Amino acid sequence: MKQRKPYIIIFLVIFAVETCIALFVHDDFVRPYIGDVIVMWAVYCFAQIILGGRFGSYKVAVGSLIFAFFVELLQKFRIVDVLGIKSPILRTIIGTSFAPADLVCYLAGTAVTVAWIWLYRKKKA
């Protein structure tokens, strides 16, 4: 549990930031782009909470990126409509529209995550 605690705290902070962006920011930059970059940090932290350090940090980061790409692909096939999901919260979490720019944002978010891991390890060594 000790090694999961930092990820839990970081995830909760990022989740709060993402929630604020979703509820209060209605622009053409922060919500669609920065929000998608930040969401990758949340996905990474959530994966680390679940996995508990059983896999290397870089593998978790790449796995998080693959997961995000898969969800975006499901959006292309309108998965929320196919499954008949009516809940606005679930529709927002899963997403309702495919955008190639999202893939770039996810890649950027993962790049920041990988850079942070590298810097942390370098500092620790």
C-alpha atoms as a PDB file:
ATOM      1  CA  MET A   1       0.000   0.000   0.000  1.00  0.00           C
ATOM      2  CA  LYS A   2       2.906   2.313   0.764  1.00  0.00           C
ATOM      3  CA  GLN A   3       4.078   2.496  -2.860  1.00  0.00           C
ATOM      4  CA  ARG A   4       0.475   3.034  -4.068  1.00  0.00           C
ATOM      5  CA  LYS A   5      -0.226   5.983  -1.759  1.00  0.00           C
ATOM      6  CA  PRO A   6       1.542   8.639  -3.894  1.00  0.00           C
ATOM      7  CA  TYR A   7      -0.329   7.426  -6.979  1.00  0.00           C
ATOM      8  CA  ILE A   8      -3.645   7.581  -5.122  1.00  0.00           C
ATOM      9  CA  ILE A   9      -2.990  11.171  -4.050  1.00  0.00           C
ATOM     10  CA  ILE A  10      -1.793  12.263  -7.496  1.00  0.00           C
ATOM     11  CA  PHE A  11      -4.737  10.512  -9.174  1.00  0.00           C
ATOM     12  CA  LEU A  12      -7.242  12.266  -6.905  1.00  0.00           C
ATOM     13  CA  VAL A  13      -5.669  15.672  -7.605  1.00  0.00           C
ATOM     14  CA  ILE A  14      -5.642  15.062 -11.361  1.00  0.00           C
ATOM     15  CA  PHE A  15      -9.214  13.767 -11.232  1.00  0.00           C
ATOM     16  CA  ALA A  16     -10.285  16.960  -9.444  1.00  0.00           C
ATOM     17  CA  VAL A  17      -8.501  19.087 -12.053  1.00  0.00           C
ATOM     18  CA  GLU A  18     -10.078  17.116 -14.910  1.00  0.00           C
ATOM     19  CA  THR A  19     -13.507  17.449 -13.314  1.00  0.00           C
ATOM     20  CA  CYS A  20     -13.067  21.225 -13.011  1.00  0.00           C
ATOM     21  CA  ILE A  21     -11.966  21.422 -16.636  1.00  0.00           C
ATOM     22  CA  ALA A  22     -14.985  19.379 -17.751  1.00  0.00           C
ATOM     23  CA  LEU A  23     -17.458  21.436 -15.717  1.00  0.00           C
ATOM     24  CA  PHE A  24     -16.098  24.958 -15.962  1.00  0.00           C
ATOM     25  CA  VAL A  25     -13.782  25.323 -18.959  1.00  0.00           C
ATOM     26  CA  HIS A  26     -15.515  25.703 -22.312  1.00  0.00           C
ATOM     27  CA  ASP A  27     -12.795  26.916 -24.631  1.00  0.00           C
ATOM     28  CA  ASP A  28     -11.023  25.697 -27.742  1.00  0.00           C
ATOM     29  CA  PHE A  29      -7.674  24.809 -26.180  1.00  0.00           C
ATOM     30  CA  VAL A  30      -7.581  23.785 -22.515  1.00  0.00           C
ATOM     31  CA  ARG A  31     -10.552  21.439 -22.515  1.00  0.00           C
ATOM     32  CA  PRO A  32      -9.919  19.600 -25.792  1.00  0.00           C
ATOM     33  CA  TYR A  33      -6.108  19.519 -25.728  1.00  0.00           C
ATOM     34  CA  ILE A  34      -4.657  20.088 -22.262  1.00  0.00           C
ATOM     35  CA  GLY A  35      -7.416  17.950 -20.753  1.00  0.00           C
ATOM     36  CA  ASP A  36      -6.424  15.061 -23.013  1.00  0.00           C
ATOM     37  CA  VAL A  37      -2.749  15.451 -22.123  1.00  0.00           C
ATOM     38  CA  ILE A  38      -3.551  15.476 -18.408  1.00  0.00           C
ATOM     39  CA  VAL A  39      -5.915  12.510 -18.644  1.00  0.00           C
ATOM     40  CA  MET A  40      -2.948  10.326 -19.577  1.00  0.00           C
ATOM     41  CA  TRP A  41      -1.338  11.144 -16.238  1.00  0.00           C
ATOM     42  CA  ALA A  42      -4.557  10.088 -14.514  1.00  0.00           C
ATOM     43  CA  VAL A  43      -4.719   6.837 -16.499  1.00  0.00           C
ATOM     44  CA  TYR A  44      -1.069   6.101 -15.645  1.00  0.00           C
ATOM     45  CA  CYS A  45      -1.595   6.773 -11.925  1.00  0.00           C
ATOM     46  CA  PHE A  46      -4.784   4.711 -11.867  1.00  0.00           C
ATOM     47  CA  ALA A  47      -2.981   1.820 -13.563  1.00  0.00           C
ATOM     48  CA  GLN A  48      -0.179   2.040 -10.980  1.00  0.00           C
ATOM     49  CA  ILE A  49      -2.760   1.960  -8.176  1.00  0.00           C
ATOM     50  CA  ILE A  50      -4.334  -1.182  -9.621  1.00  0.00           C
ATOM     51  CA  LEU A  51      -1.092  -2.894 -10.616  1.00  0.00           C
ATOM     52  CA  GLY A  52       0.819  -1.973  -7.460  1.00  0.00           C
ATOM     53  CA  GLY A  53       4.241  -1.844  -9.072  1.00  0.00           C
ATOM     54  CA  ARG A  54       4.076  -5.334 -10.578  1.00  0.00           C
ATOM     55  CA  PHE A  55       5.187  -3.960 -13.941  1.00  0.00           C
ATOM     56  CA  GLY A  56       7.875  -1.457 -14.870  1.00  0.00           C
ATOM     57  CA  SER A  57       6.910   2.213 -15.015  1.00  0.00           C
ATOM     58  CA  TYR A  58       7.697   2.540 -18.702  1.00  0.00           C
ATOM     59  CA  LYS A  59       5.584  -0.520 -19.515  1.00  0.00           C
ATOM     60  CA  VAL A  60       2.663   0.937 -17.564  1.00  0.00           C
ATOM     61  CA  ALA A  61       3.043   4.241 -19.423  1.00  0.00           C
ATOM     62  CA  VAL A  62       3.023   2.517 -22.819  1.00  0.00           C
ATOM     63  CA  GLY A  63       0.142   0.276 -21.747  1.00  0.00           C
ATOM     64  CA  SER A  64      -1.807   3.379 -20.700  1.00  0.00           C
ATOM     65  CA  LEU A  65      -1.204   4.884 -24.136  1.00  0.00           C
ATOM     66  CA  ILE A  66      -2.402   1.711 -25.863  1.00  0.00           C
ATOM     67  CA  PHE A  67      -5.504   1.726 -23.663  1.00  0.00           C
ATOM     68  CA  ALA A  68      -6.232   5.378 -24.557  1.00  0.00           C
ATOM     69  CA  PHE A  69      -5.774   4.666 -28.265  1.00  0.00           C
ATOM     70  CA  PHE A  70      -8.161   1.707 -27.956  1.00  0.00           C
ATOM     71  CA  VAL A  71     -10.814   3.836 -26.234  1.00  0.00           C
ATOM     72  CA  GLU A  72     -10.427   6.467 -28.940  1.00  0.00           C
ATOM     73  CA  LEU A  73     -10.880   3.773 -31.581  1.00  0.00           C
ATOM     74  CA  LEU A  74     -14.062   2.660 -29.822  1.00  0.00           C
ATOM     75  CA  GLN A  75     -15.244   6.276 -30.023  1.00  0.00           C
ATOM     76  CA  LYS A  76     -14.757   6.150 -33.785  1.00  0.00           C
ATOM     77  CA  PHE A  77     -17.232   3.268 -33.859  1.00  0.00           C
ATOM     78  CA  ARG A  78     -19.616   5.202 -31.553  1.00  0.00           C
ATOM     79  CA  ILE A  79     -19.441   2.551 -28.832  1.00  0.00           C
ATOM     80  CA  VAL A  80     -21.643   4.532 -26.400  1.00  0.00           C
ATOM     81  CA  ASP A  81     -24.454   4.531 -28.961  1.00  0.00           C
ATOM     82  CA  VAL A  82     -23.898   0.892 -29.924  1.00  0.00           C
ATOM     83  CA  LEU A  83     -24.139  -0.103 -26.252  1.00  0.00           C
ATOM     84  CA  GLY A  84     -27.079   2.249 -25.672  1.00  0.00           C
ATOM     85  CA  ILE A  85     -25.351   4.159 -22.868  1.00  0.00           C
ATOM     86  CA  LYS A  86     -27.582   7.039 -21.781  1.00  0.00           C
ATOM     87  CA  SER A  87     -25.767   8.232 -18.640  1.00  0.00           C
ATOM     88  CA  PRO A  88     -24.195  11.656 -19.320  1.00  0.00           C
ATOM     89  CA  ILE A  89     -21.388  10.857 -16.886  1.00  0.00           C
ATOM     90  CA  LEU A  90     -20.489   7.564 -18.593  1.00  0.00           C
ATOM     91  CA  ARG A  91     -20.815   9.162 -22.034  1.00  0.00           C
ATOM     92  CA  THR A  92     -18.361  11.878 -20.937  1.00  0.00           C
ATOM     93  CA  ILE A  93     -15.886   9.405 -19.414  1.00  0.00           C
ATOM     94  CA  ILE A  94     -15.917   7.071 -22.426  1.00  0.00           C
ATOM     95  CA  GLY A  95     -16.262   9.850 -24.985  1.00  0.00           C
ATOM     96  CA  THR A  96     -18.649  10.235 -27.862  1.00  0.00           C
ATOM     97  CA  SER A  97     -16.556  11.452 -30.766  1.00  0.00           C
ATOM     98  CA  PHE A  98     -13.334  10.416 -32.446  1.00  0.00           C
ATOM     99  CA  ALA A  99     -10.686  13.068 -33.055  1.00  0.00           C
ATOM    100  CA  PRO A 100      -7.208  12.328 -34.444  1.00  0.00           C
ATOM    101  CA  ALA A 101      -5.866  15.279 -32.423  1.00  0.00           C
ATOM    102  CA  ASP A 102      -6.754  13.351 -29.268  1.00  0.00           C
ATOM    103  CA  LEU A 103      -4.255  10.672 -30.250  1.00  0.00           C
ATOM    104  CA  VAL A 104      -1.530  13.324 -30.458  1.00  0.00           C
ATOM    105  CA  CYS A 105      -2.537  14.682 -27.042  1.00  0.00           C
ATOM    106  CA  TYR A 106      -2.418  11.192 -25.536  1.00  0.00           C
ATOM    107  CA  LEU A 107       1.022  10.719 -27.026  1.00  0.00           C
ATOM    108  CA  ALA A 108       2.158  14.057 -25.574  1.00  0.00           C
ATOM    109  CA  GLY A 109       0.752  13.137 -22.157  1.00  0.00           C
ATOM    110  CA  THR A 110       2.584   9.828 -22.268  1.00  0.00           C
ATOM    111  CA  ALA A 111       5.800  11.576 -23.343  1.00  0.00           C
ATOM    112  CA  VAL A 112       5.544  13.854 -20.299  1.00  0.00           C
ATOM    113  CA  THR A 113       4.938  10.804 -18.103  1.00  0.00           C
ATOM    114  CA  VAL A 114       7.958   8.994 -19.532  1.00  0.00           C
ATOM    115  CA  ALA A 115      10.108  12.120 -19.099  1.00  0.00           C
ATOM    116  CA  TRP A 116       8.966  12.423 -15.484  1.00  0.00           C
ATOM    117  CA  ILE A 117       9.837   8.760 -14.830  1.00  0.00           C
ATOM    118  CA  TRP A 118      13.259   9.252 -16.402  1.00  0.00           C
ATOM    119  CA  LEU A 119      13.960  12.421 -14.386  1.00  0.00           C
ATOM    120  CA  TYR A 120      12.765  10.798 -11.165  1.00  0.00           C
ATOM    121  CA  ARG A 121      15.038   7.809 -11.703  1.00  0.00           C
ATOM    122  CA  LYS A 122      17.973  10.014 -12.614  1.00  0.00           C
ATOM    123  CA  LYS A 123      17.489  12.105  -9.480  1.00  0.00           C
ATOM    124  CA  LYS A 124      17.084   9.000  -7.334  1.00  0.00           C
ATOM    125  CA  ALA A 125      20.282   7.378  -8.681  1.00  0.00           C
END
